[in-house]
Amino acid sequence: MDVTTNPSSDARTRLPRFTRAERYLHRIVAALTFVLLATAAALYFPDISVLVGNRPLVSDIHVIAGFVLPIPIVLALFSRAFRNDADLLNRFSPDDWRWLRARDRRSGRIPVGKFNAGQKLNSAFTLGWILVMLATGSVMFFSSLFPDDIRTGATFVHDWLTLAIFVVVVGHIYMAMNDAEARVGMRTGEVSAEWAEREHPQWANEQHNR
């Protein structure tokens, strides 16, 4: 595979990182997550609820977005690239633990593959919260089918997990805002070889050897 656009400059070499299907999945999940957090805030905090108004409509949007969220992920399983990346995200190696403990984790010293340990943990948390929120949300929506203790527990988990999701999403956005090339990779599907060799040296080497 020819991954260079200008052989005279390594800095201008572009490596393919994400397919169009993966990029659109990321955008759809991000948009639905934003809708869920925004509507949750409008439903939970009285001051915001008063400003927004029309609580039933906000509740309907929240419920619909929650039930729709898993659908694009299931559809993405038809993409081989997504399945391959999901397999990589599911593998935690000794080097990943080294990466988490290292202060110079972004120096290129540790052989990081396509995804670093932080990205793997974030993806695991994201999949986990989607499943848990779908389960607890379903209990709350179909409340007449469940006893009081189950409904109370589901509401408790749903509310507190929402706070954890908000914190992680803010952290994810903060990290993205401090890495312009990572944002380019998610927007265009390609990253510079220089960035890849610094942030994901093992993966960059695999790409060069193809």
Protein backbone atom coordinates (compact mmCIF):
# COMPACT_ATOMS: atom_id res chain seq x y z
CA MET A 1 0.00 0.00 0.00
CA ASP A 2 1.37 3.39 -0.97
CA VAL A 3 0.79 5.67 2.02
CA THR A 4 2.89 8.64 0.91
CA THR A 5 1.68 11.76 -0.79
CA ASN A 6 5.10 13.43 -0.94
CA PRO A 7 8.10 11.09 -0.62
CA SER A 8 10.47 14.01 -0.07
CA SER A 9 8.99 14.89 3.32
CA ASP A 10 8.26 12.45 6.15
CA ALA A 11 6.19 15.16 7.87
CA ARG A 12 3.80 15.19 4.92
CA THR A 13 3.42 11.42 4.78
CA ARG A 14 -0.15 10.46 5.57
CA LEU A 15 -1.18 7.13 7.06
CA PRO A 16 -4.73 5.76 6.80
CA ARG A 17 -6.19 5.47 10.30
CA PHE A 18 -10.00 5.30 10.22
CA THR A 19 -12.48 4.33 7.51
CA ARG A 20 -15.47 6.47 6.61
CA ALA A 21 -17.79 4.06 8.45
CA GLU A 22 -15.75 4.40 11.65
CA ARG A 23 -15.65 8.18 11.41
CA TYR A 24 -19.41 8.43 10.91
CA LEU A 25 -19.99 6.04 13.81
CA HIS A 26 -17.90 8.28 16.05
CA ARG A 27 -19.87 11.35 14.99
CA ILE A 28 -23.26 9.68 15.47
CA VAL A 29 -22.38 8.31 18.91
CA ALA A 30 -20.95 11.70 19.92
CA ALA A 31 -24.09 13.53 18.74
CA LEU A 32 -26.45 11.13 20.51
CA THR A 33 -24.36 11.30 23.68
CA PHE A 34 -24.57 15.09 23.62
CA VAL A 35 -28.36 14.91 23.14
CA LEU A 36 -28.66 12.46 26.05
CA LEU A 37 -26.56 14.59 28.41
CA ALA A 38 -28.30 17.82 27.41
CA THR A 39 -31.81 16.39 27.82
CA ALA A 40 -30.78 14.68 31.07
CA ALA A 41 -29.64 18.04 32.45
CA ALA A 42 -32.93 19.63 31.37
CA LEU A 43 -34.90 16.87 33.10
CA TYR A 44 -32.83 16.72 36.28
CA PHE A 45 -32.10 20.36 37.12
CA PRO A 46 -35.20 22.51 37.74
CA ASP A 47 -33.52 25.76 36.64
CA ILE A 48 -32.61 24.29 33.25
CA SER A 49 -35.99 22.60 32.96
CA VAL A 50 -37.75 25.95 33.40
CA LEU A 51 -35.59 27.55 30.70
CA VAL A 52 -36.18 24.73 28.23
CA GLY A 53 -39.87 24.14 28.95
CA ASN A 54 -41.98 21.38 27.38
CA ARG A 55 -40.70 18.66 29.70
CA PRO A 56 -42.66 15.84 27.98
CA LEU A 57 -40.97 16.61 24.65
CA VAL A 58 -37.53 16.69 26.28
CA SER A 59 -38.29 13.37 27.96
CA ASP A 60 -39.37 11.82 24.64
CA ILE A 61 -36.17 13.02 22.92
CA HIS A 62 -34.09 11.57 25.76
CA VAL A 63 -35.81 8.19 25.57
CA ILE A 64 -35.62 7.97 21.77
CA ALA A 65 -31.93 8.92 21.72
CA GLY A 66 -31.22 6.32 24.39
CA PHE A 67 -32.88 3.49 22.51
CA VAL A 68 -31.32 4.57 19.18
CA LEU A 69 -27.76 4.84 20.51
CA PRO A 70 -26.83 1.11 20.30
CA ILE A 71 -28.15 0.78 16.72
CA PRO A 72 -25.22 2.43 14.85
CA ILE A 73 -22.76 0.34 16.88
CA VAL A 74 -24.55 -2.87 15.90
CA LEU A 75 -24.62 -1.75 12.26
CA ALA A 76 -20.91 -0.94 12.40
CA LEU A 77 -20.21 -4.61 13.10
CA PHE A 78 -20.80 -5.20 9.38
CA SER A 79 -17.59 -3.21 8.76
CA ARG A 80 -14.45 -5.37 8.82
CA ALA A 81 -12.32 -2.35 9.77
CA PHE A 82 -14.54 -1.67 12.77
CA ARG A 83 -14.39 -5.31 13.88
CA ASN A 84 -10.60 -5.28 13.57
CA ASP A 85 -10.32 -2.10 15.61
CA ALA A 86 -12.76 -3.47 18.21
CA ASP A 87 -10.50 -6.51 18.54
CA LEU A 88 -7.46 -4.27 19.07
CA LEU A 89 -9.30 -2.19 21.66
CA ASN A 90 -10.19 -5.37 23.55
CA ARG A 91 -6.54 -6.41 23.99
CA PHE A 92 -4.64 -5.03 26.99
CA SER A 93 -0.93 -5.84 26.94
CA PRO A 94 1.95 -5.38 29.44
CA ASP A 95 3.08 -2.40 27.35
CA ASP A 96 -0.31 -0.78 27.98
CA TRP A 97 0.30 -0.96 31.74
CA ARG A 98 3.76 0.51 31.17
CA TRP A 99 2.18 3.32 29.14
CA LEU A 100 -0.26 4.15 31.95
CA ARG A 101 2.54 4.32 34.55
CA ALA A 102 5.05 6.22 32.40
CA ARG A 103 5.42 9.98 32.64
CA ASP A 104 6.97 10.12 29.16
CA ARG A 105 4.23 7.97 27.63
CA ARG A 106 4.03 10.21 24.55
CA SER A 107 7.75 10.15 23.76
CA GLY A 108 7.52 7.11 21.46
CA ARG A 109 9.68 5.03 23.83
CA ILE A 110 6.90 2.52 24.57
CA PRO A 111 5.71 0.42 21.60
CA VAL A 112 2.10 1.59 21.36
CA GLY A 113 -0.14 0.01 18.72
CA LYS A 114 -3.04 1.65 16.95
CA PHE A 115 -4.69 2.50 20.28
CA ASN A 116 -3.02 3.48 23.53
CA ALA A 117 -4.14 2.29 26.95
CA GLY A 118 -6.18 5.41 27.61
CA GLN A 119 -8.16 4.93 24.41
CA LYS A 120 -8.75 1.28 25.28
CA LEU A 121 -10.05 2.16 28.73
CA ASN A 122 -12.26 4.89 27.30
CA SER A 123 -13.77 2.54 24.72
CA ALA A 124 -14.43 -0.10 27.37
CA PHE A 125 -16.11 2.48 29.60
CA THR A 126 -18.17 3.79 26.67
CA LEU A 127 -19.46 0.36 25.71
CA GLY A 128 -20.12 -0.42 29.36
CA TRP A 129 -22.13 2.72 30.03
CA ILE A 130 -24.18 2.31 26.87
CA LEU A 131 -25.23 -1.19 27.95
CA VAL A 132 -25.86 -0.24 31.58
CA MET A 133 -27.78 2.92 30.68
CA LEU A 134 -29.85 0.99 28.13
CA ALA A 135 -30.71 -1.61 30.78
CA THR A 136 -31.52 0.86 33.56
CA GLY A 137 -33.32 3.20 31.18
CA SER A 138 -35.46 0.32 29.96
CA VAL A 139 -36.41 -0.50 33.57
CA MET A 140 -37.38 3.12 34.15
CA PHE A 141 -39.33 3.36 30.88
CA PHE A 142 -41.18 0.06 31.37
CA SER A 143 -41.53 0.71 35.09
CA SER A 144 -44.87 -1.11 35.45
CA LEU A 145 -43.12 -4.40 34.66
CA PHE A 146 -40.69 -4.21 37.58
CA PRO A 147 -41.00 -4.14 41.41
CA ASP A 148 -40.21 -1.00 43.40
CA ASP A 149 -36.75 -2.10 44.53
CA ILE A 150 -35.62 -2.80 40.97
CA ARG A 151 -36.97 0.56 39.76
CA THR A 152 -35.28 2.39 42.64
CA GLY A 153 -31.96 0.69 41.99
CA ALA A 154 -32.16 1.37 38.26
CA THR A 155 -32.88 5.06 38.87
CA PHE A 156 -29.99 5.33 41.33
CA VAL A 157 -27.50 3.73 38.91
CA HIS A 158 -28.84 5.74 35.96
CA ASP A 159 -28.49 9.07 37.76
CA TRP A 160 -25.01 8.54 39.18
CA LEU A 161 -23.62 6.94 36.05
CA THR A 162 -24.79 10.00 34.12
CA LEU A 163 -22.47 12.11 36.27
CA ALA A 164 -19.55 9.76 35.58
CA ILE A 165 -20.29 9.86 31.85
CA PHE A 166 -20.31 13.66 31.90
CA VAL A 167 -16.89 13.75 33.60
CA VAL A 168 -15.37 11.24 31.16
CA VAL A 169 -16.85 13.00 28.11
CA VAL A 170 -15.44 16.34 29.28
CA GLY A 171 -12.05 14.66 29.77
CA HIS A 172 -12.26 13.09 26.32
CA ILE A 173 -13.03 16.44 24.71
CA TYR A 174 -10.19 18.09 26.65
CA MET A 175 -7.71 15.49 25.42
CA ALA A 176 -8.96 15.83 21.85
CA MET A 177 -8.66 19.62 21.95
CA ASN A 178 -5.01 19.23 22.92
CA ASP A 179 -4.20 16.90 20.03
CA ALA A 180 -4.95 18.55 16.70
CA GLU A 181 -3.60 15.69 14.61
CA ALA A 182 -5.83 13.17 16.38
CA ARG A 183 -8.80 15.37 15.49
CA VAL A 184 -7.62 15.49 11.87
CA GLY A 185 -7.42 11.70 11.87
CA MET A 186 -10.99 11.36 13.06
CA ARG A 187 -12.19 14.00 10.59
CA THR A 188 -10.32 12.90 7.46
CA GLY A 189 -9.30 9.32 8.24
CA GLU A 190 -5.57 10.05 7.85
CA VAL A 191 -2.77 11.18 10.17
CA SER A 192 0.79 12.33 9.64
CA ALA A 193 3.55 9.74 9.89
CA GLU A 194 5.40 12.05 12.29
CA TRP A 195 2.47 12.05 14.73
CA ALA A 196 1.94 8.29 14.36
CA GLU A 197 5.61 7.52 15.03
CA ARG A 198 5.49 9.61 18.20
CA GLU A 199 2.09 8.55 19.56
CA HIS A 200 1.66 5.04 18.10
CA PRO A 201 5.13 3.87 17.00
CA GLN A 202 4.28 0.17 16.72
CA TRP A 203 1.25 0.87 14.54
CA ALA A 204 3.20 3.36 12.41
CA ASN A 205 5.89 0.76 11.79
CA GLU A 206 3.25 -1.78 10.75
CA GLN A 207 1.78 0.73 8.30
CA HIS A 208 5.17 1.52 6.75
CA ASN A 209 5.90 -2.19 6.28
CA ARG A 210 2.67 -2.93 4.40
